[in-house]
Amino acid sequence: MCRERMHSMFRGISERLAVERDTRTIMAIGTAEINRVFAELADQVDQGVLTAEDDAPDDATIENEVAAAEQTEV
């Protein structure tokens, strides 16, 4: 889920970053947005809206990964 939020944030600021020429400004924008995303995630965890299970792979995914690993070992 965190990865999805970061990708979404990056898509949201990509045009803004594309027009910037100053590295310090680009870094400031990126840092502010990363901090915002993680603050939102932390708030959601604190409120009980977001739990570890929300980001955990389901059982079928785990089983598929184990099967694929076993096939590559043979």
PDB file of N, CA and C in Angstrom:
ATOM      1  N   MET A   1       0.821  -1.184   0.000  1.00  0.00           N
ATOM      2  CA  MET A   1       0.000   0.000   0.000  1.00  0.00           C
ATOM      3  C   MET A   1       0.873   1.259   0.000  1.00  0.00           C
ATOM      4  N   CYS A   2       1.932   1.200   0.769  1.00  0.00           N
ATOM      5  CA  CYS A   2       2.837   2.357   0.820  1.00  0.00           C
ATOM      6  C   CYS A   2       3.415   2.641  -0.562  1.00  0.00           C
ATOM      7  N   ARG A   3       3.817   1.592  -1.247  1.00  0.00           N
ATOM      8  CA  ARG A   3       4.379   1.756  -2.589  1.00  0.00           C
ATOM      9  C   ARG A   3       3.358   2.400  -3.518  1.00  0.00           C
ATOM     10  N   GLU A   4       2.111   1.952  -3.437  1.00  0.00           N
ATOM     11  CA  GLU A   4       1.061   2.514  -4.287  1.00  0.00           C
ATOM     12  C   GLU A   4       0.854   3.996  -3.988  1.00  0.00           C
ATOM     13  N   ARG A   5       0.875   4.342  -2.720  1.00  0.00           N
ATOM     14  CA  ARG A   5       0.713   5.756  -2.348  1.00  0.00           C
ATOM     15  C   ARG A   5       1.868   6.601  -2.861  1.00  0.00           C
ATOM     16  N   MET A   6       3.087   6.057  -2.780  1.00  0.00           N
ATOM     17  CA  MET A   6       4.247   6.803  -3.251  1.00  0.00           C
ATOM     18  C   MET A   6       4.199   6.986  -4.771  1.00  0.00           C
ATOM     19  N   HIS A   7       3.803   5.937  -5.489  1.00  0.00           N
ATOM     20  CA  HIS A   7       3.665   6.056  -6.950  1.00  0.00           C
ATOM     21  C   HIS A   7       2.602   7.094  -7.300  1.00  0.00           C
ATOM     22  N   SER A   8       1.502   7.068  -6.583  1.00  0.00           N
ATOM     23  CA  SER A   8       0.431   8.032  -6.825  1.00  0.00           C
ATOM     24  C   SER A   8       0.916   9.455  -6.571  1.00  0.00           C
ATOM     25  N   MET A   9       1.629   9.644  -5.467  1.00  0.00           N
ATOM     26  CA  MET A   9       2.168  10.966  -5.145  1.00  0.00           C
ATOM     27  C   MET A   9       3.116  11.421  -6.250  1.00  0.00           C
ATOM     28  N   PHE A  10       3.982  10.511  -6.690  1.00  0.00           N
ATOM     29  CA  PHE A  10       4.959  10.876  -7.715  1.00  0.00           C
ATOM     30  C   PHE A  10       4.279  11.271  -9.020  1.00  0.00           C
ATOM     31  N   ARG A  11       3.241  10.514  -9.405  1.00  0.00           N
ATOM     32  CA  ARG A  11       2.474  10.887 -10.612  1.00  0.00           C
ATOM     33  C   ARG A  11       1.861  12.270 -10.434  1.00  0.00           C
ATOM     34  N   GLY A  12       1.405  12.550  -9.220  1.00  0.00           N
ATOM     35  CA  GLY A  12       0.758  13.830  -8.954  1.00  0.00           C
ATOM     36  C   GLY A  12       1.687  15.028  -9.056  1.00  0.00           C
ATOM     37  N   ILE A  13       2.977  14.831  -8.759  1.00  0.00           N
ATOM     38  CA  ILE A  13       3.909  15.965  -8.797  1.00  0.00           C
ATOM     39  C   ILE A  13       4.837  15.938 -10.010  1.00  0.00           C
ATOM     40  N   SER A  14       4.697  14.944 -10.868  1.00  0.00           N
ATOM     41  CA  SER A  14       5.650  14.775 -11.973  1.00  0.00           C
ATOM     42  C   SER A  14       5.701  15.986 -12.908  1.00  0.00           C
ATOM     43  N   GLU A  15       4.568  16.552 -13.256  1.00  0.00           N
ATOM     44  CA  GLU A  15       4.579  17.713 -14.156  1.00  0.00           C
ATOM     45  C   GLU A  15       5.220  18.919 -13.481  1.00  0.00           C
ATOM     46  N   ARG A  16       4.938  19.064 -12.205  1.00  0.00           N
ATOM     47  CA  ARG A  16       5.530  20.171 -11.439  1.00  0.00           C
ATOM     48  C   ARG A  16       7.048  20.020 -11.396  1.00  0.00           C
ATOM     49  N   LEU A  17       7.524  18.793 -11.177  1.00  0.00           N
ATOM     50  CA  LEU A  17       8.969  18.555 -11.135  1.00  0.00           C
ATOM     51  C   LEU A  17       9.605  18.754 -12.505  1.00  0.00           C
ATOM     52  N   ALA A  18       8.880  18.400 -13.555  1.00  0.00           N
ATOM     53  CA  ALA A  18       9.424  18.487 -14.913  1.00  0.00           C
ATOM     54  C   ALA A  18       9.773  19.913 -15.312  1.00  0.00           C
ATOM     55  N   VAL A  19       9.072  20.883 -14.787  1.00  0.00           N
ATOM     56  CA  VAL A  19       9.349  22.270 -15.160  1.00  0.00           C
ATOM     57  C   VAL A  19      10.393  22.927 -14.264  1.00  0.00           C
ATOM     58  N   GLU A  20      10.738  22.288 -13.175  1.00  0.00           N
ATOM     59  CA  GLU A  20      11.731  22.853 -12.258  1.00  0.00           C
ATOM     60  C   GLU A  20      13.145  22.653 -12.794  1.00  0.00           C
ATOM     61  N   ARG A  21      13.976  23.631 -12.580  1.00  0.00           N
ATOM     62  CA  ARG A  21      15.372  23.547 -12.997  1.00  0.00           C
ATOM     63  C   ARG A  21      16.312  23.460 -11.784  1.00  0.00           C
ATOM     64  N   ASP A  22      15.872  23.979 -10.665  1.00  0.00           N
ATOM     65  CA  ASP A  22      16.715  24.052  -9.480  1.00  0.00           C
ATOM     66  C   ASP A  22      16.621  22.755  -8.672  1.00  0.00           C
ATOM     67  N   THR A  23      17.740  22.103  -8.478  1.00  0.00           N
ATOM     68  CA  THR A  23      17.786  20.838  -7.750  1.00  0.00           C
ATOM     69  C   THR A  23      17.251  20.999  -6.332  1.00  0.00           C
ATOM     70  N   ARG A  24      17.566  22.099  -5.692  1.00  0.00           N
ATOM     71  CA  ARG A  24      17.085  22.327  -4.317  1.00  0.00           C
ATOM     72  C   ARG A  24      15.570  22.406  -4.269  1.00  0.00           C
ATOM     73  N   THR A  25      14.971  23.020  -5.252  1.00  0.00           N
ATOM     74  CA  THR A  25      13.515  23.111  -5.307  1.00  0.00           C
ATOM     75  C   THR A  25      12.901  21.739  -5.541  1.00  0.00           C
ATOM     76  N   ILE A  26      13.499  20.976  -6.454  1.00  0.00           N
ATOM     77  CA  ILE A  26      13.009  19.623  -6.729  1.00  0.00           C
ATOM     78  C   ILE A  26      13.084  18.778  -5.467  1.00  0.00           C
ATOM     79  N   MET A  27      14.207  18.850  -4.767  1.00  0.00           N
ATOM     80  CA  MET A  27      14.368  18.078  -3.527  1.00  0.00           C
ATOM     81  C   MET A  27      13.374  18.540  -2.465  1.00  0.00           C
ATOM     82  N   ALA A  28      13.131  19.830  -2.370  1.00  0.00           N
ATOM     83  CA  ALA A  28      12.182  20.349  -1.385  1.00  0.00           C
ATOM     84  C   ALA A  28      10.768  19.857  -1.673  1.00  0.00           C
ATOM     85  N   ILE A  29      10.380  19.882  -2.936  1.00  0.00           N
ATOM     86  CA  ILE A  29       9.057  19.396  -3.325  1.00  0.00           C
ATOM     87  C   ILE A  29       8.939  17.904  -3.000  1.00  0.00           C
ATOM     88  N   GLY A  30       9.936  17.125  -3.417  1.00  0.00           N
ATOM     89  CA  GLY A  30       9.910  15.686  -3.177  1.00  0.00           C
ATOM     90  C   GLY A  30       9.881  15.349  -1.698  1.00  0.00           C
ATOM     91  N   THR A  31      10.714  16.004  -0.918  1.00  0.00           N
ATOM     92  CA  THR A  31      10.766  15.758   0.519  1.00  0.00           C
ATOM     93  C   THR A  31       9.446  16.101   1.187  1.00  0.00           C
ATOM     94  N   ALA A  32       8.872  17.226   0.826  1.00  0.00           N
ATOM     95  CA  ALA A  32       7.594  17.640   1.412  1.00  0.00           C
ATOM     96  C   ALA A  32       6.487  16.646   1.078  1.00  0.00           C
ATOM     97  N   GLU A  33       6.462  16.177  -0.152  1.00  0.00           N
ATOM     98  CA  GLU A  33       5.427  15.227  -0.561  1.00  0.00           C
ATOM     99  C   GLU A  33       5.616  13.862   0.098  1.00  0.00           C
ATOM    100  N   ILE A  34       6.857  13.397   0.195  1.00  0.00           N
ATOM    101  CA  ILE A  34       7.121  12.125   0.877  1.00  0.00           C
ATOM    102  C   ILE A  34       6.694  12.221   2.337  1.00  0.00           C
ATOM    103  N   ASN A  35       7.059  13.311   2.995  1.00  0.00           N
ATOM    104  CA  ASN A  35       6.660  13.506   4.390  1.00  0.00           C
ATOM    105  C   ASN A  35       5.144  13.538   4.536  1.00  0.00           C
ATOM    106  N   ARG A  36       4.463  14.173   3.582  1.00  0.00           N
ATOM    107  CA  ARG A  36       3.003  14.246   3.625  1.00  0.00           C
ATOM    108  C   ARG A  36       2.381  12.855   3.520  1.00  0.00           C
ATOM    109  N   VAL A  37       2.871  12.044   2.568  1.00  0.00           N
ATOM    110  CA  VAL A  37       2.327  10.698   2.370  1.00  0.00           C
ATOM    111  C   VAL A  37       2.522   9.856   3.629  1.00  0.00           C
ATOM    112  N   PHE A  38       3.729   9.886   4.197  1.00  0.00           N
ATOM    113  CA  PHE A  38       3.978   9.082   5.382  1.00  0.00           C
ATOM    114  C   PHE A  38       3.209   9.592   6.596  1.00  0.00           C
ATOM    115  N   ALA A  39       3.000  10.900   6.698  1.00  0.00           N
ATOM    116  CA  ALA A  39       2.189  11.441   7.790  1.00  0.00           C
ATOM    117  C   ALA A  39       0.737  10.979   7.667  1.00  0.00           C
ATOM    118  N   GLU A  40       0.223  10.962   6.442  1.00  0.00           N
ATOM    119  CA  GLU A  40      -1.141  10.468   6.219  1.00  0.00           C
ATOM    120  C   GLU A  40      -1.258   8.995   6.586  1.00  0.00           C
ATOM    121  N   LEU A  41      -0.268   8.196   6.181  1.00  0.00           N
ATOM    122  CA  LEU A  41      -0.283   6.776   6.523  1.00  0.00           C
ATOM    123  C   LEU A  41      -0.219   6.580   8.033  1.00  0.00           C
ATOM    124  N   ALA A  42       0.640   7.340   8.714  1.00  0.00           N
ATOM    125  CA  ALA A  42       0.760   7.233  10.167  1.00  0.00           C
ATOM    126  C   ALA A  42      -0.546   7.631  10.853  1.00  0.00           C
ATOM    127  N   ASP A  43      -1.184   8.677  10.365  1.00  0.00           N
ATOM    128  CA  ASP A  43      -2.480   9.096  10.923  1.00  0.00           C
ATOM    129  C   ASP A  43      -3.521   7.997  10.759  1.00  0.00           C
ATOM    130  N   GLN A  44      -3.531   7.355   9.596  1.00  0.00           N
ATOM    131  CA  GLN A  44      -4.491   6.283   9.353  1.00  0.00           C
ATOM    132  C   GLN A  44      -4.224   5.082  10.255  1.00  0.00           C
ATOM    133  N   VAL A  45      -2.956   4.787  10.518  1.00  0.00           N
ATOM    134  CA  VAL A  45      -2.626   3.699  11.442  1.00  0.00           C
ATOM    135  C   VAL A  45      -3.082   4.074  12.845  1.00  0.00           C
ATOM    136  N   ASP A  46      -2.792   5.289  13.270  1.00  0.00           N
ATOM    137  CA  ASP A  46      -3.196   5.751  14.607  1.00  0.00           C
ATOM    138  C   ASP A  46      -4.710   5.712  14.794  1.00  0.00           C
ATOM    139  N   GLN A  47      -5.441   6.011  13.740  1.00  0.00           N
ATOM    140  CA  GLN A  47      -6.901   6.018  13.808  1.00  0.00           C
ATOM    141  C   GLN A  47      -7.495   4.623  13.675  1.00  0.00           C
ATOM    142  N   GLY A  48      -6.669   3.633  13.369  1.00  0.00           N
ATOM    143  CA  GLY A  48      -7.155   2.275  13.205  1.00  0.00           C
ATOM    144  C   GLY A  48      -7.760   2.006  11.845  1.00  0.00           C
ATOM    145  N   VAL A  49      -7.640   2.962  10.945  1.00  0.00           N
ATOM    146  CA  VAL A  49      -8.188   2.810   9.595  1.00  0.00           C
ATOM    147  C   VAL A  49      -7.306   1.891   8.766  1.00  0.00           C
ATOM    148  N   LEU A  50      -6.009   1.929   9.017  1.00  0.00           N
ATOM    149  CA  LEU A  50      -5.036   1.159   8.265  1.00  0.00           C
ATOM    150  C   LEU A  50      -4.332   0.207   9.221  1.00  0.00           C
ATOM    151  N   THR A  51      -4.283  -1.074   8.852  1.00  0.00           N
ATOM    152  CA  THR A  51      -3.635  -2.072   9.694  1.00  0.00           C
ATOM    153  C   THR A  51      -2.595  -2.825   8.883  1.00  0.00           C
ATOM    154  N   ALA A  52      -1.794  -3.629   9.557  1.00  0.00           N
ATOM    155  CA  ALA A  52      -0.764  -4.415   8.875  1.00  0.00           C
ATOM    156  C   ALA A  52      -1.381  -5.368   7.861  1.00  0.00           C
ATOM    157  N   GLU A  53      -2.577  -5.849   8.136  1.00  0.00           N
ATOM    158  CA  GLU A  53      -3.238  -6.776   7.218  1.00  0.00           C
ATOM    159  C   GLU A  53      -3.582  -6.115   5.889  1.00  0.00           C
ATOM    160  N   ASP A  54      -3.745  -4.785   5.883  1.00  0.00           N
ATOM    161  CA  ASP A  54      -4.074  -4.084   4.641  1.00  0.00           C
ATOM    162  C   ASP A  54      -2.951  -4.183   3.618  1.00  0.00           C
ATOM    163  N   ASP A  55      -1.729  -4.354   4.089  1.00  0.00           N
ATOM    164  CA  ASP A  55      -0.590  -4.403   3.187  1.00  0.00           C
ATOM    165  C   ASP A  55      -0.036  -5.814   3.023  1.00  0.00           C
ATOM    166  N   ALA A  56      -0.610  -6.758   3.758  1.00  0.00           N
ATOM    167  CA  ALA A  56      -0.117  -8.132   3.698  1.00  0.00           C
ATOM    168  C   ALA A  56      -0.651  -8.838   2.462  1.00  0.00           C
ATOM    169  N   PRO A  57       0.189  -9.663   1.830  1.00  0.00           N
ATOM    170  CA  PRO A  57      -0.315 -10.423   0.681  1.00  0.00           C
ATOM    171  C   PRO A  57      -1.314 -11.474   1.144  1.00  0.00           C
ATOM    172  N   ASP A  58      -2.261 -11.786   0.294  1.00  0.00           N
ATOM    173  CA  ASP A  58      -3.236 -12.806   0.681  1.00  0.00           C
ATOM    174  C   ASP A  58      -2.608 -14.196   0.588  1.00  0.00           C
ATOM    175  N   ASP A  59      -3.304 -15.199   1.134  1.00  0.00           N
ATOM    176  CA  ASP A  59      -2.771 -16.562   1.184  1.00  0.00           C
ATOM    177  C   ASP A  59      -2.464 -17.117  -0.198  1.00  0.00           C
ATOM    178  N   ALA A  60      -3.297 -16.819  -1.182  1.00  0.00           N
ATOM    179  CA  ALA A  60      -3.075 -17.320  -2.543  1.00  0.00           C
ATOM    180  C   ALA A  60      -1.777 -16.762  -3.109  1.00  0.00           C
ATOM    181  N   THR A  61      -1.493 -15.503  -2.849  1.00  0.00           N
ATOM    182  CA  THR A  61      -0.250 -14.901  -3.330  1.00  0.00           C
ATOM    183  C   THR A  61       0.951 -15.579  -2.702  1.00  0.00           C
ATOM    184  N   ILE A  62       0.881 -15.813  -1.402  1.00  0.00           N
ATOM    185  CA  ILE A  62       1.974 -16.477  -0.697  1.00  0.00           C
ATOM    186  C   ILE A  62       2.180 -17.879  -1.250  1.00  0.00           C
ATOM    187  N   GLU A  63       1.090 -18.617  -1.452  1.00  0.00           N
ATOM    188  CA  GLU A  63       1.196 -19.974  -1.993  1.00  0.00           C
ATOM    189  C   GLU A  63       1.822 -19.968  -3.384  1.00  0.00           C
ATOM    190  N   ASN A  64       1.442 -19.015  -4.213  1.00  0.00           N
ATOM    191  CA  ASN A  64       2.013 -18.915  -5.566  1.00  0.00           C
ATOM    192  C   ASN A  64       3.504 -18.612  -5.513  1.00  0.00           C
ATOM    193  N   GLU A  65       3.915 -17.733  -4.597  1.00  0.00           N
ATOM    194  CA  GLU A  65       5.328 -17.394  -4.475  1.00  0.00           C
ATOM    195  C   GLU A  65       6.138 -18.590  -3.989  1.00  0.00           C
ATOM    196  N   VAL A  66       5.588 -19.346  -3.042  1.00  0.00           N
ATOM    197  CA  VAL A  66       6.269 -20.549  -2.550  1.00  0.00           C
ATOM    198  C   VAL A  66       6.401 -21.573  -3.670  1.00  0.00           C
ATOM    199  N   ALA A  67       5.328 -21.803  -4.424  1.00  0.00           N
ATOM    200  CA  ALA A  67       5.367 -22.760  -5.537  1.00  0.00           C
ATOM    201  C   ALA A  67       6.388 -22.343  -6.579  1.00  0.00           C
ATOM    202  N   ALA A  68       6.452 -21.066  -6.895  1.00  0.00           N
ATOM    203  CA  ALA A  68       7.405 -20.581  -7.880  1.00  0.00           C
ATOM    204  C   ALA A  68       8.838 -20.747  -7.384  1.00  0.00           C
ATOM    205  N   ALA A  69       9.062 -20.498  -6.119  1.00  0.00           N
ATOM    206  CA  ALA A  69      10.400 -20.674  -5.536  1.00  0.00           C
ATOM    207  C   ALA A  69      10.818 -22.147  -5.568  1.00  0.00           C
ATOM    208  N   GLU A  70       9.874 -23.013  -5.279  1.00  0.00           N
ATOM    209  CA  GLU A  70      10.169 -24.454  -5.288  1.00  0.00           C
ATOM    210  C   GLU A  70      10.509 -24.931  -6.703  1.00  0.00           C
ATOM    211  N   GLN A  71       9.848 -24.395  -7.703  1.00  0.00           N
ATOM    212  CA  GLN A  71      10.106 -24.787  -9.087  1.00  0.00           C
ATOM    213  C   GLN A  71      11.491 -24.341  -9.536  1.00  0.00           C
ATOM    214  N   THR A  72      11.926 -23.177  -9.073  1.00  0.00           N
ATOM    215  CA  THR A  72      13.242 -22.679  -9.504  1.00  0.00           C
ATOM    216  C   THR A  72      14.364 -23.427  -8.807  1.00  0.00           C
ATOM    217  N   GLU A  73      14.083 -24.031  -7.650  1.00  0.00           N
ATOM    218  CA  GLU A  73      15.103 -24.790  -6.921  1.00  0.00           C
ATOM    219  C   GLU A  73      15.368 -26.135  -7.568  1.00  0.00           C
ATOM    220  N   VAL A  74      14.393 -26.666  -8.290  1.00  0.00           N
ATOM    221  CA  VAL A  74      14.518 -28.004  -8.889  1.00  0.00           C
ATOM    222  C   VAL A  74      15.365 -27.995 -10.109  1.00  0.00           C
TER     223      VAL A  74
END
